[in-house]
N, C-alpha and C. Protein backbone atom coordinates (compact mmCIF):
# COMPACT_ATOMS: atom_id res chain seq x y z
N MET A 1 132.51 118.42 -9.84
CA MET A 1 131.85 119.20 -8.82
C MET A 1 130.80 118.36 -8.09
N ASN A 2 130.02 117.61 -8.84
CA ASN A 2 128.95 116.82 -8.23
C ASN A 2 129.48 115.71 -7.33
N LYS A 3 130.70 115.22 -7.62
CA LYS A 3 131.22 114.12 -6.80
C LYS A 3 131.61 114.59 -5.40
N TRP A 4 131.78 115.88 -5.17
CA TRP A 4 132.16 116.39 -3.85
C TRP A 4 130.96 116.64 -2.95
N ILE A 5 129.80 116.70 -3.51
CA ILE A 5 128.60 117.02 -2.73
C ILE A 5 128.34 115.97 -1.63
N PRO A 6 128.39 114.66 -1.90
CA PRO A 6 128.13 113.70 -0.81
C PRO A 6 129.18 113.78 0.30
N ILE A 7 130.43 114.03 -0.07
CA ILE A 7 131.49 114.10 0.94
C ILE A 7 131.30 115.32 1.82
N VAL A 8 131.03 116.46 1.19
CA VAL A 8 130.81 117.69 1.95
C VAL A 8 129.56 117.55 2.81
N GLY A 9 128.53 116.96 2.26
CA GLY A 9 127.29 116.78 3.00
C GLY A 9 127.49 115.89 4.22
N ALA A 10 128.25 114.82 4.08
CA ALA A 10 128.51 113.92 5.21
C ALA A 10 129.33 114.63 6.28
N THR A 11 130.29 115.44 5.85
CA THR A 11 131.12 116.18 6.81
C THR A 11 130.27 117.17 7.60
N VAL A 12 129.43 117.92 6.90
CA VAL A 12 128.57 118.90 7.57
C VAL A 12 127.61 118.19 8.52
N LEU A 13 127.05 117.09 8.11
CA LEU A 13 126.13 116.35 8.96
C LEU A 13 126.83 115.84 10.22
N ALA A 14 128.06 115.35 10.08
CA ALA A 14 128.81 114.85 11.24
C ALA A 14 129.13 115.98 12.20
N MET A 15 129.50 117.14 11.66
CA MET A 15 129.82 118.28 12.53
C MET A 15 128.56 118.79 13.23
N ALA A 16 127.46 118.78 12.52
CA ALA A 16 126.22 119.28 13.10
C ALA A 16 125.72 118.36 14.20
N SER A 17 125.96 117.07 14.07
CA SER A 17 125.48 116.13 15.08
C SER A 17 126.43 116.04 16.27
N GLY A 18 127.55 116.73 16.20
CA GLY A 18 128.51 116.73 17.30
C GLY A 18 129.38 115.49 17.33
N MET A 19 129.37 114.70 16.30
CA MET A 19 130.17 113.47 16.23
C MET A 19 131.23 113.66 15.16
N SER A 20 132.31 112.99 15.35
CA SER A 20 133.33 112.99 14.29
C SER A 20 133.78 111.56 14.05
N TRP A 21 134.25 111.33 12.85
CA TRP A 21 134.71 109.98 12.50
C TRP A 21 135.95 109.62 13.31
N ALA A 22 136.75 110.61 13.63
CA ALA A 22 137.97 110.34 14.39
C ALA A 22 137.62 109.83 15.78
N GLN A 23 136.59 110.39 16.39
CA GLN A 23 136.19 109.92 17.72
C GLN A 23 135.68 108.49 17.66
N ASP A 24 134.92 108.18 16.63
CA ASP A 24 134.39 106.83 16.49
C ASP A 24 135.52 105.82 16.33
N ALA A 25 136.52 106.17 15.56
CA ALA A 25 137.62 105.25 15.31
C ALA A 25 138.52 105.12 16.53
N ALA A 26 138.64 106.20 17.31
CA ALA A 26 139.55 106.19 18.45
C ALA A 26 138.98 105.42 19.63
N ALA A 27 137.68 105.40 19.78
CA ALA A 27 137.09 104.75 20.94
C ALA A 27 136.07 103.70 20.52
N PRO A 28 136.56 102.56 20.04
CA PRO A 28 135.59 101.52 19.67
C PRO A 28 135.05 100.86 20.93
N SER A 29 133.77 100.96 21.12
CA SER A 29 133.18 100.40 22.34
C SER A 29 132.15 99.33 22.01
N THR A 30 132.04 98.97 20.76
CA THR A 30 131.05 97.96 20.40
C THR A 30 131.59 96.58 20.75
N PRO A 31 130.71 95.67 21.08
CA PRO A 31 131.15 94.31 21.41
C PRO A 31 131.84 93.63 20.23
N ALA A 32 131.41 93.95 19.02
CA ALA A 32 132.01 93.32 17.85
C ALA A 32 133.48 93.72 17.70
N SER A 33 133.78 95.00 17.98
CA SER A 33 135.16 95.44 17.82
C SER A 33 136.05 94.84 18.90
N SER A 34 135.53 94.70 20.13
CA SER A 34 136.35 94.09 21.18
C SER A 34 136.56 92.60 20.90
N THR A 35 135.54 91.95 20.35
CA THR A 35 135.68 90.55 19.97
C THR A 35 136.70 90.41 18.85
N ALA A 36 136.65 91.32 17.89
CA ALA A 36 137.62 91.27 16.79
C ALA A 36 139.04 91.47 17.31
N ALA A 37 139.20 92.40 18.25
CA ALA A 37 140.52 92.63 18.82
C ALA A 37 141.00 91.41 19.60
N GLN A 38 140.08 90.81 20.32
CA GLN A 38 140.43 89.60 21.09
C GLN A 38 140.81 88.46 20.14
N ASN A 39 140.03 88.29 19.07
CA ASN A 39 140.33 87.24 18.09
C ASN A 39 141.68 87.49 17.44
N ALA A 40 141.97 88.74 17.12
CA ALA A 40 143.26 89.07 16.52
C ALA A 40 144.40 88.75 17.48
N ALA A 41 144.21 89.06 18.75
CA ALA A 41 145.25 88.75 19.75
C ALA A 41 145.44 87.25 19.88
N GLU A 42 144.34 86.50 19.85
CA GLU A 42 144.45 85.04 19.94
C GLU A 42 145.16 84.46 18.72
N ARG A 43 144.83 85.00 17.54
CA ARG A 43 145.51 84.52 16.33
C ARG A 43 146.99 84.81 16.39
N GLN A 44 147.34 86.01 16.86
CA GLN A 44 148.75 86.38 16.98
C GLN A 44 149.47 85.44 17.95
N ALA A 45 148.83 85.15 19.08
CA ALA A 45 149.44 84.23 20.06
C ALA A 45 149.61 82.84 19.47
N ALA A 46 148.60 82.39 18.71
CA ALA A 46 148.69 81.07 18.07
C ALA A 46 149.83 81.05 17.06
N ARG A 47 149.98 82.13 16.29
CA ARG A 47 151.08 82.20 15.32
C ARG A 47 152.42 82.15 16.02
N GLN A 48 152.54 82.88 17.13
CA GLN A 48 153.81 82.88 17.86
C GLN A 48 154.11 81.49 18.44
N ASP A 49 153.08 80.83 18.97
CA ASP A 49 153.28 79.48 19.49
C ASP A 49 153.70 78.52 18.38
N ASN A 50 153.04 78.63 17.22
CA ASN A 50 153.39 77.76 16.09
C ASN A 50 154.82 78.02 15.64
N ARG A 51 155.20 79.29 15.60
CA ARG A 51 156.57 79.63 15.18
C ARG A 51 157.58 79.05 16.16
N ALA A 52 157.30 79.19 17.45
CA ALA A 52 158.21 78.63 18.47
C ALA A 52 158.29 77.11 18.34
N GLY A 53 157.15 76.49 18.09
CA GLY A 53 157.14 75.04 17.89
C GLY A 53 157.95 74.62 16.68
N ARG A 54 157.83 75.39 15.60
CA ARG A 54 158.62 75.07 14.40
C ARG A 54 160.10 75.20 14.67
N HIS A 55 160.47 76.25 15.43
CA HIS A 55 161.89 76.43 15.74
C HIS A 55 162.41 75.27 16.60
N ASP A 56 161.61 74.85 17.57
CA ASP A 56 162.01 73.72 18.42
C ASP A 56 162.15 72.44 17.59
N THR A 57 161.17 72.21 16.71
CA THR A 57 161.21 71.02 15.87
C THR A 57 162.41 71.05 14.94
N ALA A 58 162.68 72.22 14.37
CA ALA A 58 163.83 72.34 13.46
C ALA A 58 165.13 72.08 14.21
N ALA A 59 165.24 72.58 15.43
CA ALA A 59 166.45 72.35 16.21
C ALA A 59 166.61 70.86 16.53
N ALA A 60 165.52 70.21 16.90
CA ALA A 60 165.59 68.77 17.21
C ALA A 60 165.95 67.97 15.96
N ASN A 61 165.35 68.33 14.82
CA ASN A 61 165.67 67.62 13.57
C ASN A 61 167.12 67.84 13.18
N SER A 62 167.60 69.05 13.36
CA SER A 62 168.99 69.35 13.02
C SER A 62 169.93 68.53 13.89
N ASP A 63 169.62 68.44 15.19
CA ASP A 63 170.45 67.64 16.08
C ASP A 63 170.44 66.17 15.67
N ALA A 64 169.25 65.67 15.29
CA ALA A 64 169.15 64.26 14.88
C ALA A 64 169.96 64.01 13.61
N ARG A 65 169.87 64.95 12.65
CA ARG A 65 170.65 64.78 11.41
C ARG A 65 172.13 64.84 11.70
N GLN A 66 172.54 65.75 12.57
CA GLN A 66 173.96 65.87 12.92
C GLN A 66 174.44 64.58 13.58
N GLN A 67 173.64 64.02 14.46
CA GLN A 67 174.01 62.78 15.14
C GLN A 67 174.11 61.64 14.13
N THR A 68 173.19 61.58 13.17
CA THR A 68 173.23 60.55 12.14
C THR A 68 174.50 60.68 11.31
N ARG A 69 174.86 61.92 10.97
CA ARG A 69 176.10 62.12 10.20
C ARG A 69 177.31 61.68 11.00
N GLN A 70 177.33 62.01 12.29
CA GLN A 70 178.47 61.61 13.12
C GLN A 70 178.54 60.09 13.26
N ASP A 71 177.38 59.45 13.41
CA ASP A 71 177.37 57.99 13.51
C ASP A 71 177.88 57.36 12.21
N ALA A 72 177.44 57.92 11.07
CA ALA A 72 177.88 57.39 9.78
C ALA A 72 179.39 57.57 9.62
N ARG A 73 179.88 58.73 10.02
CA ARG A 73 181.32 58.99 9.94
C ARG A 73 182.09 58.00 10.81
N GLY A 74 181.60 57.77 12.02
CA GLY A 74 182.26 56.81 12.91
C GLY A 74 182.26 55.41 12.33
N ALA A 75 181.13 55.01 11.74
CA ALA A 75 181.05 53.67 11.13
C ALA A 75 182.04 53.54 9.98
N ARG A 76 182.14 54.60 9.16
CA ARG A 76 183.11 54.55 8.05
C ARG A 76 184.53 54.44 8.56
N GLN A 77 184.84 55.21 9.60
CA GLN A 77 186.20 55.17 10.14
C GLN A 77 186.51 53.80 10.74
N ASP A 78 185.54 53.21 11.43
CA ASP A 78 185.76 51.86 11.98
C ASP A 78 185.99 50.85 10.86
N THR A 79 185.19 50.97 9.80
CA THR A 79 185.34 50.05 8.67
C THR A 79 186.72 50.21 8.04
N ARG A 80 187.13 51.45 7.84
CA ARG A 80 188.46 51.68 7.26
C ARG A 80 189.56 51.08 8.12
N GLN A 81 189.43 51.26 9.42
CA GLN A 81 190.45 50.72 10.32
C GLN A 81 190.48 49.19 10.24
N ASP A 82 189.30 48.57 10.20
CA ASP A 82 189.25 47.11 10.08
C ASP A 82 189.89 46.65 8.77
N ILE A 83 189.60 47.37 7.69
CA ILE A 83 190.17 47.00 6.39
C ILE A 83 191.69 47.12 6.44
N ARG A 84 192.19 48.19 7.02
CA ARG A 84 193.65 48.36 7.13
C ARG A 84 194.29 47.22 7.92
N ASN A 85 193.65 46.86 9.02
CA ASN A 85 194.19 45.77 9.84
C ASN A 85 194.20 44.45 9.07
N GLU A 86 193.10 44.18 8.35
CA GLU A 86 193.05 42.93 7.57
C GLU A 86 194.09 42.94 6.46
N ARG A 87 194.31 44.09 5.84
CA ARG A 87 195.33 44.18 4.80
C ARG A 87 196.72 43.89 5.37
N GLN A 88 196.97 44.46 6.53
CA GLN A 88 198.28 44.23 7.17
C GLN A 88 198.47 42.74 7.44
N ASP A 89 197.43 42.10 7.94
CA ASP A 89 197.53 40.67 8.21
C ASP A 89 197.71 39.89 6.91
N ALA A 90 197.02 40.31 5.85
CA ALA A 90 197.09 39.59 4.57
C ALA A 90 198.43 39.76 3.89
N MET A 91 199.12 40.86 4.17
CA MET A 91 200.42 41.09 3.52
C MET A 91 201.41 40.00 3.91
N GLN A 92 201.25 39.44 5.09
CA GLN A 92 202.16 38.39 5.50
C GLN A 92 201.69 37.02 5.00
N GLY A 93 200.49 36.92 4.44
CA GLY A 93 199.96 35.64 4.00
C GLY A 93 200.17 35.41 2.51
N THR A 94 199.43 34.47 1.97
CA THR A 94 199.55 34.10 0.56
C THR A 94 198.71 35.04 -0.29
N SER A 95 198.79 34.85 -1.61
CA SER A 95 197.98 35.68 -2.50
C SER A 95 196.49 35.40 -2.29
N ALA A 96 196.15 34.18 -1.92
CA ALA A 96 194.75 33.86 -1.63
C ALA A 96 194.26 34.66 -0.42
N ASP A 97 195.14 34.82 0.56
CA ASP A 97 194.77 35.62 1.74
C ASP A 97 194.55 37.08 1.35
N ARG A 98 195.41 37.59 0.46
CA ARG A 98 195.26 38.99 0.02
C ARG A 98 193.96 39.17 -0.76
N GLN A 99 193.65 38.19 -1.62
CA GLN A 99 192.41 38.25 -2.39
C GLN A 99 191.20 38.23 -1.45
N LYS A 100 191.25 37.37 -0.46
CA LYS A 100 190.15 37.29 0.52
C LYS A 100 190.02 38.61 1.28
N ALA A 101 191.14 39.24 1.62
CA ALA A 101 191.10 40.52 2.34
C ALA A 101 190.44 41.60 1.48
N ARG A 102 190.73 41.60 0.17
CA ARG A 102 190.09 42.58 -0.72
C ARG A 102 188.58 42.36 -0.78
N GLN A 103 188.19 41.10 -0.90
CA GLN A 103 186.75 40.80 -0.96
C GLN A 103 186.06 41.17 0.36
N ASP A 104 186.73 40.87 1.45
CA ASP A 104 186.16 41.22 2.75
C ASP A 104 186.03 42.73 2.90
N ALA A 105 187.03 43.46 2.38
CA ALA A 105 186.99 44.93 2.45
C ALA A 105 185.80 45.46 1.68
N ARG A 106 185.57 44.92 0.48
CA ARG A 106 184.41 45.36 -0.31
C ARG A 106 183.11 45.08 0.44
N ALA A 107 183.02 43.88 0.99
CA ALA A 107 181.80 43.51 1.72
C ALA A 107 181.61 44.41 2.95
N ALA A 108 182.70 44.70 3.63
CA ALA A 108 182.60 45.56 4.82
C ALA A 108 182.15 46.96 4.44
N ARG A 109 182.71 47.51 3.35
CA ARG A 109 182.28 48.84 2.91
C ARG A 109 180.81 48.84 2.52
N GLN A 110 180.41 47.78 1.81
CA GLN A 110 179.00 47.68 1.40
C GLN A 110 178.08 47.61 2.62
N ASP A 111 178.46 46.81 3.61
CA ASP A 111 177.65 46.71 4.83
C ASP A 111 177.55 48.06 5.53
N THR A 112 178.67 48.77 5.58
CA THR A 112 178.67 50.09 6.22
C THR A 112 177.74 51.04 5.48
N ARG A 113 177.84 51.04 4.14
CA ARG A 113 176.96 51.92 3.34
C ARG A 113 175.49 51.60 3.59
N GLN A 114 175.18 50.29 3.58
CA GLN A 114 173.78 49.90 3.79
C GLN A 114 173.29 50.31 5.18
N GLY A 115 174.14 50.14 6.17
CA GLY A 115 173.76 50.56 7.52
C GLY A 115 173.53 52.05 7.60
N ASN A 116 174.40 52.81 6.94
CA ASN A 116 174.23 54.27 6.95
C ASN A 116 172.96 54.68 6.23
N ARG A 117 172.67 54.03 5.10
CA ARG A 117 171.44 54.34 4.37
C ARG A 117 170.21 54.05 5.23
N LYS A 118 170.27 52.91 5.91
CA LYS A 118 169.14 52.53 6.76
C LYS A 118 168.94 53.57 7.87
N ALA A 119 170.04 54.01 8.46
CA ALA A 119 169.95 55.03 9.52
C ALA A 119 169.40 56.34 8.96
N ARG A 120 169.83 56.71 7.75
CA ARG A 120 169.33 57.94 7.12
C ARG A 120 167.83 57.83 6.86
N ARG A 121 167.42 56.67 6.34
CA ARG A 121 165.99 56.48 6.05
C ARG A 121 165.16 56.59 7.33
N SER A 122 165.65 55.98 8.40
CA SER A 122 164.87 56.04 9.64
C SER A 122 164.81 57.47 10.16
N THR A 123 165.90 58.23 9.99
CA THR A 123 165.90 59.64 10.42
C THR A 123 164.92 60.44 9.57
N VAL A 124 164.94 60.22 8.26
CA VAL A 124 164.03 60.95 7.36
C VAL A 124 162.59 60.60 7.68
N LYS A 125 162.33 59.31 7.95
CA LYS A 125 160.96 58.92 8.29
C LYS A 125 160.52 59.57 9.60
N ALA A 126 161.43 59.62 10.55
CA ALA A 126 161.08 60.26 11.83
C ALA A 126 160.80 61.74 11.62
N ASP A 127 161.64 62.40 10.79
CA ASP A 127 161.41 63.81 10.50
C ASP A 127 160.06 64.00 9.82
N SER A 128 159.76 63.12 8.88
CA SER A 128 158.51 63.22 8.13
C SER A 128 157.31 63.02 9.06
N SER A 129 157.37 62.02 9.91
CA SER A 129 156.24 61.78 10.81
C SER A 129 156.10 62.93 11.81
N ALA A 130 157.21 63.51 12.23
CA ALA A 130 157.14 64.67 13.13
C ALA A 130 156.48 65.85 12.43
N ARG A 131 156.85 66.08 11.16
CA ARG A 131 156.22 67.17 10.40
C ARG A 131 154.73 66.92 10.23
N GLN A 132 154.37 65.66 9.92
CA GLN A 132 152.96 65.36 9.73
C GLN A 132 152.16 65.56 11.02
N SER A 133 152.72 65.13 12.13
CA SER A 133 151.99 65.31 13.39
C SER A 133 151.90 66.79 13.75
N THR A 134 152.95 67.57 13.45
CA THR A 134 152.90 69.01 13.71
C THR A 134 151.81 69.66 12.87
N ARG A 135 151.74 69.28 11.59
CA ARG A 135 150.69 69.82 10.72
C ARG A 135 149.30 69.45 11.25
N ALA A 136 149.14 68.19 11.66
CA ALA A 136 147.84 67.75 12.17
C ALA A 136 147.47 68.53 13.43
N ASP A 137 148.43 68.75 14.31
CA ASP A 137 148.17 69.53 15.53
C ASP A 137 147.77 70.96 15.18
N ALA A 138 148.47 71.55 14.21
CA ALA A 138 148.16 72.92 13.80
C ALA A 138 146.76 72.99 13.19
N ARG A 139 146.42 71.99 12.36
CA ARG A 139 145.08 71.96 11.77
C ARG A 139 144.02 71.85 12.87
N ALA A 140 144.26 70.98 13.84
CA ALA A 140 143.30 70.81 14.93
C ALA A 140 143.14 72.11 15.72
N THR A 141 144.25 72.80 15.96
CA THR A 141 144.20 74.06 16.69
C THR A 141 143.40 75.10 15.91
N ARG A 142 143.67 75.20 14.60
CA ARG A 142 142.92 76.16 13.77
C ARG A 142 141.43 75.82 13.74
N LYS A 143 141.13 74.53 13.61
CA LYS A 143 139.72 74.11 13.57
C LYS A 143 139.03 74.45 14.89
N LYS A 144 139.71 74.20 16.00
CA LYS A 144 139.13 74.52 17.31
C LYS A 144 138.91 76.03 17.43
N ALA A 145 139.87 76.83 16.98
CA ALA A 145 139.73 78.29 17.05
C ALA A 145 138.55 78.75 16.19
N ARG A 146 138.42 78.16 14.98
CA ARG A 146 137.29 78.52 14.12
C ARG A 146 135.97 78.15 14.78
N ASP A 147 135.91 76.94 15.34
CA ASP A 147 134.67 76.50 15.98
C ASP A 147 134.32 77.38 17.18
N ASP A 148 135.35 77.74 17.96
CA ASP A 148 135.12 78.62 19.11
C ASP A 148 134.62 79.99 18.65
N ALA A 149 135.22 80.50 17.57
CA ALA A 149 134.81 81.81 17.05
C ALA A 149 133.37 81.74 16.55
N ARG A 150 133.04 80.65 15.84
CA ARG A 150 131.66 80.50 15.36
C ARG A 150 130.68 80.41 16.52
N ALA A 151 131.07 79.65 17.54
CA ALA A 151 130.18 79.50 18.70
C ALA A 151 129.98 80.83 19.41
N SER A 152 131.06 81.61 19.55
CA SER A 152 130.92 82.90 20.23
C SER A 152 130.08 83.86 19.39
N ARG A 153 130.25 83.81 18.05
CA ARG A 153 129.43 84.65 17.19
C ARG A 153 127.97 84.22 17.28
N GLN A 154 127.74 82.91 17.33
CA GLN A 154 126.37 82.40 17.42
C GLN A 154 125.75 82.82 18.76
N ASP A 155 126.54 82.74 19.85
CA ASP A 155 126.03 83.16 21.16
C ASP A 155 125.70 84.65 21.14
N THR A 156 126.57 85.45 20.53
CA THR A 156 126.34 86.89 20.45
C THR A 156 125.10 87.18 19.61
N HIS A 157 124.96 86.42 18.52
CA HIS A 157 123.82 86.61 17.63
C HIS A 157 122.52 86.20 18.32
N ASP A 158 122.56 85.15 19.12
CA ASP A 158 121.35 84.67 19.80
C ASP A 158 120.89 85.64 20.88
N ASN A 159 121.84 86.35 21.50
CA ASN A 159 121.48 87.28 22.59
C ASN A 159 120.99 88.56 22.05
């Protein structure tokens, strides 16, 4: 019973003063509430921009990876074709020629693998540096927004 007394008392006081909590909540006219709404809108816009940037970056990275895969596939196919041609030529030669063709084929496959690995590493490094720069940009944007918010709060507080 005693726990209801403050609630009932507050309700009666609000009705007697002609004010209601619903009116206060429906019409926020204080500068702090408009600043909060503006800050929330700015944060939402920043989130949407960041999301769009991430989607663009992901699409670019996906295209780069796809191109790297296609280049690697092309290099493998070229190597296979060269090996087949050398084998055909070696079939008409001596056993030493055939042995040399096998060794050359191994070396060619190894070179192709190393080239593909190098291309993959450069793609991964590019992706990594792009992610790092995106993170740094996002951090700078957040820091600027925080500093701006602090400055506006300080200006409001000083006035």
